[in-house]
Amino acid sequence: MSNESSCGCGGCGCGSNSNEGLTITSRPTEETMSNNITLKIDGMTCGHCVASVTEELNEVPGVSNVEVILSAGGTSTATLTANAPLENDVLEAAVTEAGYTLVSVDA
């Protein structure tokens, strides 16, 4: 039987009972990771356009949030938060379904 004290984790047996200098790094799993994707969209002119694009993009699997900034008559911006990788063609299909044109995707 050892009389070494451990850090308290119950399994490492490091012999330390001090947290001094301790660094814990946790990497998110793919399930909890999120990234932002910016879409440039042409053809939007009003709040109804924003609602249509937002609705279609929210239906894309992996999208957890959509924020659209309308530039009536110009190129609008949609910022997506996604917790899974998204294919550009899926995003384009969603924007097209809403009735607008996807100009670019910046991940």
PDB file of N, CA and C in Angstrom:
ATOM      1  N   MET A   1       0.848  -1.175   0.000  1.00  0.00           N
ATOM      2  CA  MET A   1       0.000   0.000   0.000  1.00  0.00           C
ATOM      3  C   MET A   1       0.884   1.226   0.000  1.00  0.00           C
ATOM      4  N   SER A   2       0.619   2.109  -0.953  1.00  0.00           N
ATOM      5  CA  SER A   2       1.418   3.314  -1.092  1.00  0.00           C
ATOM      6  C   SER A   2       0.863   4.408  -0.205  1.00  0.00           C
ATOM      7  N   ASN A   3       1.755   5.225   0.374  1.00  0.00           N
ATOM      8  CA  ASN A   3       1.280   6.352   1.152  1.00  0.00           C
ATOM      9  C   ASN A   3       1.437   7.653   0.368  1.00  0.00           C
ATOM     10  N   GLU A   4       1.585   7.566  -0.992  1.00  0.00           N
ATOM     11  CA  GLU A   4       1.598   8.763  -1.828  1.00  0.00           C
ATOM     12  C   GLU A   4       0.193   9.324  -1.913  1.00  0.00           C
ATOM     13  N   SER A   5       0.082  10.644  -1.871  1.00  0.00           N
ATOM     14  CA  SER A   5      -1.226  11.251  -2.088  1.00  0.00           C
ATOM     15  C   SER A   5      -1.366  11.526  -3.570  1.00  0.00           C
ATOM     16  N   SER A   6      -2.574  11.502  -4.043  1.00  0.00           N
ATOM     17  CA  SER A   6      -2.785  11.755  -5.472  1.00  0.00           C
ATOM     18  C   SER A   6      -3.508  13.083  -5.664  1.00  0.00           C
ATOM     19  N   CYS A   7      -3.641  13.484  -6.898  1.00  0.00           N
ATOM     20  CA  CYS A   7      -4.268  14.765  -7.216  1.00  0.00           C
ATOM     21  C   CYS A   7      -5.758  14.743  -6.947  1.00  0.00           C
ATOM     22  N   GLY A   8      -6.319  13.611  -6.735  1.00  0.00           N
ATOM     23  CA  GLY A   8      -7.735  13.522  -6.436  1.00  0.00           C
ATOM     24  C   GLY A   8      -8.587  13.077  -7.609  1.00  0.00           C
ATOM     25  N   CYS A   9      -7.969  12.831  -8.741  1.00  0.00           N
ATOM     26  CA  CYS A   9      -8.774  12.424  -9.891  1.00  0.00           C
ATOM     27  C   CYS A   9      -9.203  10.970  -9.780  1.00  0.00           C
ATOM     28  N   GLY A  10      -8.543  10.244  -8.941  1.00  0.00           N
ATOM     29  CA  GLY A  10      -8.943   8.869  -8.722  1.00  0.00           C
ATOM     30  C   GLY A  10      -8.317   7.856  -9.654  1.00  0.00           C
ATOM     31  N   GLY A  11      -7.354   8.271 -10.455  1.00  0.00           N
ATOM     32  CA  GLY A  11      -6.822   7.263 -11.347  1.00  0.00           C
ATOM     33  C   GLY A  11      -5.434   7.513 -11.874  1.00  0.00           C
ATOM     34  N   CYS A  12      -4.930   8.723 -11.779  1.00  0.00           N
ATOM     35  CA  CYS A  12      -3.649   8.958 -12.439  1.00  0.00           C
ATOM     36  C   CYS A  12      -2.464   8.565 -11.567  1.00  0.00           C
ATOM     37  N   GLY A  13      -2.604   8.632 -10.265  1.00  0.00           N
ATOM     38  CA  GLY A  13      -1.516   8.254  -9.384  1.00  0.00           C
ATOM     39  C   GLY A  13      -0.309   9.169  -9.488  1.00  0.00           C
ATOM     40  N   CYS A  14      -0.537  10.432  -9.824  1.00  0.00           N
ATOM     41  CA  CYS A  14       0.584  11.340 -10.039  1.00  0.00           C
ATOM     42  C   CYS A  14       1.284  11.723  -8.741  1.00  0.00           C
ATOM     43  N   GLY A  15       0.620  11.544  -7.632  1.00  0.00           N
ATOM     44  CA  GLY A  15       1.249  11.858  -6.355  1.00  0.00           C
ATOM     45  C   GLY A  15       1.140  13.324  -5.964  1.00  0.00           C
ATOM     46  N   SER A  16       0.499  14.121  -6.768  1.00  0.00           N
ATOM     47  CA  SER A  16       0.387  15.553  -6.479  1.00  0.00           C
ATOM     48  C   SER A  16      -0.950  15.848  -5.824  1.00  0.00           C
ATOM     49  N   ASN A  17      -0.930  16.783  -4.911  1.00  0.00           N
ATOM     50  CA  ASN A  17      -2.179  17.264  -4.352  1.00  0.00           C
ATOM     51  C   ASN A  17      -2.288  18.772  -4.543  1.00  0.00           C
ATOM     52  N   SER A  18      -1.554  19.285  -5.509  1.00  0.00           N
ATOM     53  CA  SER A  18      -1.550  20.712  -5.800  1.00  0.00           C
ATOM     54  C   SER A  18      -2.054  20.945  -7.212  1.00  0.00           C
ATOM     55  N   ASN A  19      -2.854  21.985  -7.381  1.00  0.00           N
ATOM     56  CA  ASN A  19      -3.339  22.360  -8.705  1.00  0.00           C
ATOM     57  C   ASN A  19      -2.466  23.441  -9.319  1.00  0.00           C
ATOM     58  N   GLU A  20      -1.384  23.791  -8.655  1.00  0.00           N
ATOM     59  CA  GLU A  20      -0.509  24.857  -9.114  1.00  0.00           C
ATOM     60  C   GLU A  20       0.090  24.502 -10.465  1.00  0.00           C
ATOM     61  N   GLY A  21      -0.036  25.422 -11.412  1.00  0.00           N
ATOM     62  CA  GLY A  21       0.507  25.211 -12.742  1.00  0.00           C
ATOM     63  C   GLY A  21      -0.303  24.250 -13.595  1.00  0.00           C
ATOM     64  N   LEU A  22      -1.482  23.892 -13.126  1.00  0.00           N
ATOM     65  CA  LEU A  22      -2.319  22.945 -13.841  1.00  0.00           C
ATOM     66  C   LEU A  22      -2.994  23.617 -15.023  1.00  0.00           C
ATOM     67  N   THR A  23      -2.914  23.012 -16.181  1.00  0.00           N
ATOM     68  CA  THR A  23      -3.604  23.497 -17.376  1.00  0.00           C
ATOM     69  C   THR A  23      -4.421  22.364 -17.949  1.00  0.00           C
ATOM     70  N   ILE A  24      -5.678  22.634 -18.164  1.00  0.00           N
ATOM     71  CA  ILE A  24      -6.563  21.640 -18.748  1.00  0.00           C
ATOM     72  C   ILE A  24      -7.057  22.198 -20.071  1.00  0.00           C
ATOM     73  N   THR A  25      -6.868  21.443 -21.123  1.00  0.00           N
ATOM     74  CA  THR A  25      -7.330  21.852 -22.440  1.00  0.00           C
ATOM     75  C   THR A  25      -8.386  20.872 -22.901  1.00  0.00           C
ATOM     76  N   SER A  26      -9.519  21.405 -23.270  1.00  0.00           N
ATOM     77  CA  SER A  26     -10.594  20.569 -23.762  1.00  0.00           C
ATOM     78  C   SER A  26     -10.902  20.971 -25.188  1.00  0.00           C
ATOM     79  N   ARG A  27     -10.853  20.018 -26.074  1.00  0.00           N
ATOM     80  CA  ARG A  27     -11.193  20.283 -27.464  1.00  0.00           C
ATOM     81  C   ARG A  27     -12.633  19.875 -27.692  1.00  0.00           C
ATOM     82  N   PRO A  28     -13.393  20.725 -28.366  1.00  0.00           N
ATOM     83  CA  PRO A  28     -14.777  20.356 -28.624  1.00  0.00           C
ATOM     84  C   PRO A  28     -14.846  19.178 -29.586  1.00  0.00           C
ATOM     85  N   THR A  29     -15.845  18.361 -29.389  1.00  0.00           N
ATOM     86  CA  THR A  29     -16.067  17.264 -30.323  1.00  0.00           C
ATOM     87  C   THR A  29     -16.706  17.833 -31.570  1.00  0.00           C
ATOM     88  N   GLU A  30     -16.757  17.062 -32.648  1.00  0.00           N
ATOM     89  CA  GLU A  30     -17.397  17.538 -33.871  1.00  0.00           C
ATOM     90  C   GLU A  30     -18.846  17.884 -33.610  1.00  0.00           C
ATOM     91  N   GLU A  31     -19.483  17.201 -32.665  1.00  0.00           N
ATOM     92  CA  GLU A  31     -20.884  17.457 -32.369  1.00  0.00           C
ATOM     93  C   GLU A  31     -21.087  18.822 -31.734  1.00  0.00           C
ATOM     94  N   THR A  32     -20.096  19.334 -30.995  1.00  0.00           N
ATOM     95  CA  THR A  32     -20.269  20.608 -30.308  1.00  0.00           C
ATOM     96  C   THR A  32     -19.515  21.746 -30.980  1.00  0.00           C
ATOM     97  N   MET A  33     -18.690  21.427 -31.966  1.00  0.00           N
ATOM     98  CA  MET A  33     -17.955  22.478 -32.653  1.00  0.00           C
ATOM     99  C   MET A  33     -18.921  23.290 -33.500  1.00  0.00           C
ATOM    100  N   SER A  34     -18.661  24.562 -33.605  1.00  0.00           N
ATOM    101  CA  SER A  34     -19.473  25.377 -34.490  1.00  0.00           C
ATOM    102  C   SER A  34     -18.553  26.312 -35.247  1.00  0.00           C
ATOM    103  N   ASN A  35     -18.992  26.670 -36.421  1.00  0.00           N
ATOM    104  CA  ASN A  35     -18.241  27.627 -37.199  1.00  0.00           C
ATOM    105  C   ASN A  35     -19.212  28.549 -37.904  1.00  0.00           C
ATOM    106  N   ASN A  36     -18.704  29.698 -38.306  1.00  0.00           N
ATOM    107  CA  ASN A  36     -19.531  30.665 -38.999  1.00  0.00           C
ATOM    108  C   ASN A  36     -19.238  30.618 -40.480  1.00  0.00           C
ATOM    109  N   ILE A  37     -20.282  30.712 -41.257  1.00  0.00           N
ATOM    110  CA  ILE A  37     -20.192  30.718 -42.706  1.00  0.00           C
ATOM    111  C   ILE A  37     -20.933  31.960 -43.183  1.00  0.00           C
ATOM    112  N   THR A  38     -20.311  32.723 -44.057  1.00  0.00           N
ATOM    113  CA  THR A  38     -20.935  33.933 -44.582  1.00  0.00           C
ATOM    114  C   THR A  38     -21.337  33.706 -46.030  1.00  0.00           C
ATOM    115  N   LEU A  39     -22.603  33.988 -46.316  1.00  0.00           N
ATOM    116  CA  LEU A  39     -23.128  33.868 -47.662  1.00  0.00           C
ATOM    117  C   LEU A  39     -23.424  35.260 -48.203  1.00  0.00           C
ATOM    118  N   LYS A  40     -23.114  35.490 -49.450  1.00  0.00           N
ATOM    119  CA  LYS A  40     -23.493  36.712 -50.147  1.00  0.00           C
ATOM    120  C   LYS A  40     -24.652  36.328 -51.065  1.00  0.00           C
ATOM    121  N   ILE A  41     -25.751  37.079 -50.981  1.00  0.00           N
ATOM    122  CA  ILE A  41     -26.980  36.716 -51.689  1.00  0.00           C
ATOM    123  C   ILE A  41     -27.519  37.926 -52.443  1.00  0.00           C
ATOM    124  N   ASP A  42     -27.851  37.726 -53.706  1.00  0.00           N
ATOM    125  CA  ASP A  42     -28.447  38.779 -54.530  1.00  0.00           C
ATOM    126  C   ASP A  42     -29.947  38.569 -54.675  1.00  0.00           C
ATOM    127  N   GLY A  43     -30.666  39.677 -54.871  1.00  0.00           N
ATOM    128  CA  GLY A  43     -32.090  39.634 -55.186  1.00  0.00           C
ATOM    129  C   GLY A  43     -33.027  39.931 -54.038  1.00  0.00           C
ATOM    130  N   MET A  44     -32.509  40.090 -52.838  1.00  0.00           N
ATOM    131  CA  MET A  44     -33.369  40.350 -51.680  1.00  0.00           C
ATOM    132  C   MET A  44     -33.690  41.843 -51.610  1.00  0.00           C
ATOM    133  N   THR A  45     -34.983  42.165 -51.319  1.00  0.00           N
ATOM    134  CA  THR A  45     -35.389  43.571 -51.289  1.00  0.00           C
ATOM    135  C   THR A  45     -36.155  43.988 -50.040  1.00  0.00           C
ATOM    136  N   CYS A  46     -36.622  43.034 -49.232  1.00  0.00           N
ATOM    137  CA  CYS A  46     -37.489  43.403 -48.110  1.00  0.00           C
ATOM    138  C   CYS A  46     -37.401  42.393 -46.964  1.00  0.00           C
ATOM    139  N   GLY A  47     -38.162  42.650 -45.931  1.00  0.00           N
ATOM    140  CA  GLY A  47     -38.211  41.767 -44.769  1.00  0.00           C
ATOM    141  C   GLY A  47     -38.755  40.389 -45.099  1.00  0.00           C
ATOM    142  N   HIS A  48     -39.682  40.303 -46.048  1.00  0.00           N
ATOM    143  CA  HIS A  48     -40.195  38.996 -46.457  1.00  0.00           C
ATOM    144  C   HIS A  48     -39.087  38.161 -47.083  1.00  0.00           C
ATOM    145  N   CYS A  49     -38.207  38.810 -47.854  1.00  0.00           N
ATOM    146  CA  CYS A  49     -37.059  38.122 -48.451  1.00  0.00           C
ATOM    147  C   CYS A  49     -36.171  37.545 -47.345  1.00  0.00           C
ATOM    148  N   VAL A  50     -35.910  38.350 -46.334  1.00  0.00           N
ATOM    149  CA  VAL A  50     -35.082  37.917 -45.204  1.00  0.00           C
ATOM    150  C   VAL A  50     -35.712  36.713 -44.519  1.00  0.00           C
ATOM    151  N   ALA A  51     -37.033  36.779 -44.301  1.00  0.00           N
ATOM    152  CA  ALA A  51     -37.734  35.672 -43.645  1.00  0.00           C
ATOM    153  C   ALA A  51     -37.657  34.398 -44.477  1.00  0.00           C
ATOM    154  N   SER A  52     -37.808  34.519 -45.794  1.00  0.00           N
ATOM    155  CA  SER A  52     -37.762  33.349 -46.676  1.00  0.00           C
ATOM    156  C   SER A  52     -36.392  32.689 -46.659  1.00  0.00           C
ATOM    157  N   VAL A  53     -35.344  33.494 -46.779  1.00  0.00           N
ATOM    158  CA  VAL A  53     -33.981  32.958 -46.771  1.00  0.00           C
ATOM    159  C   VAL A  53     -33.662  32.343 -45.413  1.00  0.00           C
ATOM    160  N   THR A  54     -34.039  33.038 -44.352  1.00  0.00           N
ATOM    161  CA  THR A  54     -33.787  32.537 -42.995  1.00  0.00           C
ATOM    162  C   THR A  54     -34.465  31.191 -42.789  1.00  0.00           C
ATOM    163  N   GLU A  55     -35.709  31.074 -43.212  1.00  0.00           N
ATOM    164  CA  GLU A  55     -36.455  29.824 -43.053  1.00  0.00           C
ATOM    165  C   GLU A  55     -35.789  28.675 -43.809  1.00  0.00           C
ATOM    166  N   GLU A  56     -35.427  28.905 -45.063  1.00  0.00           N
ATOM    167  CA  GLU A  56     -34.805  27.841 -45.862  1.00  0.00           C
ATOM    168  C   GLU A  56     -33.446  27.428 -45.298  1.00  0.00           C
ATOM    169  N   LEU A  57     -32.630  28.389 -44.882  1.00  0.00           N
ATOM    170  CA  LEU A  57     -31.302  28.056 -44.350  1.00  0.00           C
ATOM    171  C   LEU A  57     -31.400  27.356 -42.998  1.00  0.00           C
ATOM    172  N   ASN A  58     -32.389  27.708 -42.195  1.00  0.00           N
ATOM    173  CA  ASN A  58     -32.579  27.031 -40.907  1.00  0.00           C
ATOM    174  C   ASN A  58     -32.965  25.567 -41.077  1.00  0.00           C
ATOM    175  N   GLU A  59     -33.489  25.190 -42.242  1.00  0.00           N
ATOM    176  CA  GLU A  59     -33.866  23.802 -42.503  1.00  0.00           C
ATOM    177  C   GLU A  59     -32.685  22.937 -42.940  1.00  0.00           C
ATOM    178  N   VAL A  60     -31.547  23.559 -43.234  1.00  0.00           N
ATOM    179  CA  VAL A  60     -30.362  22.795 -43.637  1.00  0.00           C
ATOM    180  C   VAL A  60     -29.808  22.071 -42.407  1.00  0.00           C
ATOM    181  N   PRO A  61     -29.644  20.743 -42.480  1.00  0.00           N
ATOM    182  CA  PRO A  61     -29.090  20.007 -41.340  1.00  0.00           C
ATOM    183  C   PRO A  61     -27.708  20.543 -40.950  1.00  0.00           C
ATOM    184  N   GLY A  62     -27.530  20.794 -39.655  1.00  0.00           N
ATOM    185  CA  GLY A  62     -26.263  21.304 -39.146  1.00  0.00           C
ATOM    186  C   GLY A  62     -26.280  22.796 -38.870  1.00  0.00           C
ATOM    187  N   VAL A  63     -27.255  23.514 -39.427  1.00  0.00           N
ATOM    188  CA  VAL A  63     -27.348  24.960 -39.186  1.00  0.00           C
ATOM    189  C   VAL A  63     -28.055  25.186 -37.860  1.00  0.00           C
ATOM    190  N   SER A  64     -27.417  25.954 -36.971  1.00  0.00           N
ATOM    191  CA  SER A  64     -28.019  26.216 -35.667  1.00  0.00           C
ATOM    192  C   SER A  64     -28.481  27.663 -35.512  1.00  0.00           C
ATOM    193  N   ASN A  65     -28.022  28.561 -36.387  1.00  0.00           N
ATOM    194  CA  ASN A  65     -28.438  29.961 -36.306  1.00  0.00           C
ATOM    195  C   ASN A  65     -28.229  30.621 -37.666  1.00  0.00           C
ATOM    196  N   VAL A  66     -29.128  31.537 -38.012  1.00  0.00           N
ATOM    197  CA  VAL A  66     -29.025  32.304 -39.248  1.00  0.00           C
ATOM    198  C   VAL A  66     -29.281  33.764 -38.916  1.00  0.00           C
ATOM    199  N   GLU A  67     -28.384  34.629 -39.380  1.00  0.00           N
ATOM    200  CA  GLU A  67     -28.557  36.073 -39.213  1.00  0.00           C
ATOM    201  C   GLU A  67     -28.367  36.711 -40.590  1.00  0.00           C
ATOM    202  N   VAL A  68     -29.382  37.444 -41.044  1.00  0.00           N
ATOM    203  CA  VAL A  68     -29.348  38.045 -42.373  1.00  0.00           C
ATOM    204  C   VAL A  68     -29.310  39.561 -42.250  1.00  0.00           C
ATOM    205  N   ILE A  69     -28.411  40.173 -43.002  1.00  0.00           N
ATOM    206  CA  ILE A  69     -28.349  41.631 -43.097  1.00  0.00           C
ATOM    207  C   ILE A  69     -28.768  41.997 -44.514  1.00  0.00           C
ATOM    208  N   LEU A  70     -29.911  42.677 -44.617  1.00  0.00           N
ATOM    209  CA  LEU A  70     -30.491  43.035 -45.900  1.00  0.00           C
ATOM    210  C   LEU A  70     -29.803  44.253 -46.490  1.00  0.00           C
ATOM    211  N   SER A  71     -29.461  44.151 -47.754  1.00  0.00           N
ATOM    212  CA  SER A  71     -28.990  45.283 -48.533  1.00  0.00           C
ATOM    213  C   SER A  71     -29.932  45.358 -49.726  1.00  0.00           C
ATOM    214  N   ALA A  72     -31.073  46.048 -49.522  1.00  0.00           N
ATOM    215  CA  ALA A  72     -32.142  46.082 -50.523  1.00  0.00           C
ATOM    216  C   ALA A  72     -31.601  46.522 -51.875  1.00  0.00           C
ATOM    217  N   GLY A  73     -31.793  45.669 -52.870  1.00  0.00           N
ATOM    218  CA  GLY A  73     -31.343  45.960 -54.214  1.00  0.00           C
ATOM    219  C   GLY A  73     -29.867  45.683 -54.446  1.00  0.00           C
ATOM    220  N   GLY A  74     -29.143  45.322 -53.390  1.00  0.00           N
ATOM    221  CA  GLY A  74     -27.713  45.022 -53.515  1.00  0.00           C
ATOM    222  C   GLY A  74     -27.447  43.590 -53.095  1.00  0.00           C
ATOM    223  N   THR A  75     -26.235  43.344 -52.646  1.00  0.00           N
ATOM    224  CA  THR A  75     -25.854  42.013 -52.184  1.00  0.00           C
ATOM    225  C   THR A  75     -26.014  41.948 -50.672  1.00  0.00           C
ATOM    226  N   SER A  76     -26.921  41.101 -50.214  1.00  0.00           N
ATOM    227  CA  SER A  76     -27.177  40.921 -48.787  1.00  0.00           C
ATOM    228  C   SER A  76     -26.225  39.877 -48.222  1.00  0.00           C
ATOM    229  N   THR A  77     -26.114  39.841 -46.893  1.00  0.00           N
ATOM    230  CA  THR A  77     -25.218  38.916 -46.222  1.00  0.00           C
ATOM    231  C   THR A  77     -26.001  38.055 -45.237  1.00  0.00           C
ATOM    232  N   ALA A  78     -25.768  36.757 -45.291  1.00  0.00           N
ATOM    233  CA  ALA A  78     -26.332  35.830 -44.310  1.00  0.00           C
ATOM    234  C   ALA A  78     -25.164  35.160 -43.599  1.00  0.00           C
ATOM    235  N   THR A  79     -25.171  35.218 -42.279  1.00  0.00           N
ATOM    236  CA  THR A  79     -24.145  34.552 -41.491  1.00  0.00           C
ATOM    237  C   THR A  79     -24.795  33.359 -40.803  1.00  0.00           C
ATOM    238  N   LEU A  80     -24.247  32.179 -41.074  1.00  0.00           N
ATOM    239  CA  LEU A  80     -24.764  30.941 -40.498  1.00  0.00           C
ATOM    240  C   LEU A  80     -23.831  30.457 -39.411  1.00  0.00           C
ATOM    241  N   THR A  81     -24.395  29.908 -38.363  1.00  0.00           N
ATOM    242  CA  THR A  81     -23.621  29.164 -37.386  1.00  0.00           C
ATOM    243  C   THR A  81     -23.967  27.703 -37.630  1.00  0.00           C
ATOM    244  N   ALA A  82     -22.942  26.902 -37.848  1.00  0.00           N
ATOM    245  CA  ALA A  82     -23.162  25.493 -38.167  1.00  0.00           C
ATOM    246  C   ALA A  82     -22.359  24.613 -37.217  1.00  0.00           C
ATOM    247  N   ASN A  83     -22.966  23.515 -36.805  1.00  0.00           N
ATOM    248  CA  ASN A  83     -22.273  22.571 -35.933  1.00  0.00           C
ATOM    249  C   ASN A  83     -21.874  21.309 -36.685  1.00  0.00           C
ATOM    250  N   ALA A  84     -21.895  21.417 -38.014  1.00  0.00           N
ATOM    251  CA  ALA A  84     -21.469  20.318 -38.880  1.00  0.00           C
ATOM    252  C   ALA A  84     -20.963  20.922 -40.177  1.00  0.00           C
ATOM    253  N   PRO A  85     -20.108  20.226 -40.877  1.00  0.00           N
ATOM    254  CA  PRO A  85     -19.657  20.738 -42.176  1.00  0.00           C
ATOM    255  C   PRO A  85     -20.840  20.854 -43.133  1.00  0.00           C
ATOM    256  N   LEU A  86     -20.856  21.916 -43.924  1.00  0.00           N
ATOM    257  CA  LEU A  86     -21.933  22.134 -44.883  1.00  0.00           C
ATOM    258  C   LEU A  86     -21.363  22.211 -46.291  1.00  0.00           C
ATOM    259  N   GLU A  87     -22.050  21.587 -47.217  1.00  0.00           N
ATOM    260  CA  GLU A  87     -21.645  21.610 -48.615  1.00  0.00           C
ATOM    261  C   GLU A  87     -22.226  22.864 -49.276  1.00  0.00           C
ATOM    262  N   ASN A  88     -21.426  23.514 -50.125  1.00  0.00           N
ATOM    263  CA  ASN A  88     -21.871  24.723 -50.817  1.00  0.00           C
ATOM    264  C   ASN A  88     -23.119  24.476 -51.659  1.00  0.00           C
ATOM    265  N   ASP A  89     -23.209  23.308 -52.297  1.00  0.00           N
ATOM    266  CA  ASP A  89     -24.374  23.052 -53.142  1.00  0.00           C
ATOM    267  C   ASP A  89     -25.661  22.942 -52.337  1.00  0.00           C
ATOM    268  N   VAL A  90     -25.573  22.489 -51.095  1.00  0.00           N
ATOM    269  CA  VAL A  90     -26.744  22.420 -50.213  1.00  0.00           C
ATOM    270  C   VAL A  90     -27.188  23.830 -49.832  1.00  0.00           C
ATOM    271  N   LEU A  91     -26.210  24.694 -49.548  1.00  0.00           N
ATOM    272  CA  LEU A  91     -26.531  26.084 -49.212  1.00  0.00           C
ATOM    273  C   LEU A  91     -27.131  26.803 -50.414  1.00  0.00           C
ATOM    274  N   GLU A  92     -26.549  26.556 -51.593  1.00  0.00           N
ATOM    275  CA  GLU A  92     -27.068  27.172 -52.810  1.00  0.00           C
ATOM    276  C   GLU A  92     -28.504  26.716 -53.083  1.00  0.00           C
ATOM    277  N   ALA A  93     -28.786  25.443 -52.876  1.00  0.00           N
ATOM    278  CA  ALA A  93     -30.131  24.919 -53.089  1.00  0.00           C
ATOM    279  C   ALA A  93     -31.137  25.588 -52.149  1.00  0.00           C
ATOM    280  N   ALA A  94     -30.740  25.831 -50.907  1.00  0.00           N
ATOM    281  CA  ALA A  94     -31.632  26.475 -49.940  1.00  0.00           C
ATOM    282  C   ALA A  94     -31.929  27.919 -50.353  1.00  0.00           C
ATOM    283  N   VAL A  95     -30.885  28.642 -50.767  1.00  0.00           N
ATOM    284  CA  VAL A  95     -31.070  30.037 -51.194  1.00  0.00           C
ATOM    285  C   VAL A  95     -31.924  30.086 -52.460  1.00  0.00           C
ATOM    286  N   THR A  96     -31.676  29.183 -53.393  1.00  0.00           N
ATOM    287  CA  THR A  96     -32.450  29.122 -54.635  1.00  0.00           C
ATOM    288  C   THR A  96     -33.908  28.785 -54.346  1.00  0.00           C
ATOM    289  N   GLU A  97     -34.130  27.864 -53.424  1.00  0.00           N
ATOM    290  CA  GLU A  97     -35.490  27.489 -53.026  1.00  0.00           C
ATOM    291  C   GLU A  97     -36.254  28.700 -52.476  1.00  0.00           C
ATOM    292  N   ALA A  98     -35.534  29.575 -51.796  1.00  0.00           N
ATOM    293  CA  ALA A  98     -36.163  30.786 -51.253  1.00  0.00           C
ATOM    294  C   ALA A  98     -36.428  31.818 -52.361  1.00  0.00           C
ATOM    295  N   GLY A  99     -35.782  31.626 -53.532  1.00  0.00           N
ATOM    296  CA  GLY A  99     -36.030  32.510 -54.661  1.00  0.00           C
ATOM    297  C   GLY A  99     -34.942  33.508 -54.957  1.00  0.00           C
ATOM    298  N   TYR A 100     -33.730  33.260 -54.437  1.00  0.00           N
ATOM    299  CA  TYR A 100     -32.648  34.242 -54.577  1.00  0.00           C
ATOM    300  C   TYR A 100     -31.389  33.578 -55.126  1.00  0.00           C
ATOM    301  N   THR A 101     -30.360  34.374 -55.361  1.00  0.00           N
ATOM    302  CA  THR A 101     -29.127  33.893 -55.981  1.00  0.00           C
ATOM    303  C   THR A 101     -27.967  33.933 -55.011  1.00  0.00           C
ATOM    304  N   LEU A 102     -27.340  32.780 -54.794  1.00  0.00           N
ATOM    305  CA  LEU A 102     -26.143  32.713 -53.958  1.00  0.00           C
ATOM    306  C   LEU A 102     -24.952  33.181 -54.788  1.00  0.00           C
ATOM    307  N   VAL A 103     -24.281  34.234 -54.308  1.00  0.00           N
ATOM    308  CA  VAL A 103     -23.141  34.803 -55.022  1.00  0.00           C
ATOM    309  C   VAL A 103     -21.833  34.167 -54.574  1.00  0.00           C
ATOM    310  N   SER A 104     -21.664  34.015 -53.236  1.00  0.00           N
ATOM    311  CA  SER A 104     -20.426  33.425 -52.714  1.00  0.00           C
ATOM    312  C   SER A 104     -20.640  32.854 -51.323  1.00  0.00           C
ATOM    313  N   VAL A 105     -19.709  31.962 -50.955  1.00  0.00           N
ATOM    314  CA  VAL A 105     -19.696  31.325 -49.630  1.00  0.00           C
ATOM    315  C   VAL A 105     -18.304  31.493 -49.055  1.00  0.00           C
ATOM    316  N   ASP A 106     -18.203  32.065 -47.856  1.00  0.00           N
ATOM    317  CA  ASP A 106     -16.934  32.189 -47.150  1.00  0.00           C
ATOM    318  C   ASP A 106     -17.033  31.449 -45.832  1.00  0.00           C
ATOM    319  N   ALA A 107     -16.266  30.387 -45.696  1.00  0.00           N
ATOM    320  CA  ALA A 107     -16.297  29.594 -44.462  1.00  0.00           C
ATOM    321  C   ALA A 107     -15.287  30.100 -43.464  1.00  0.00           C
TER     322      ALA A 107
END
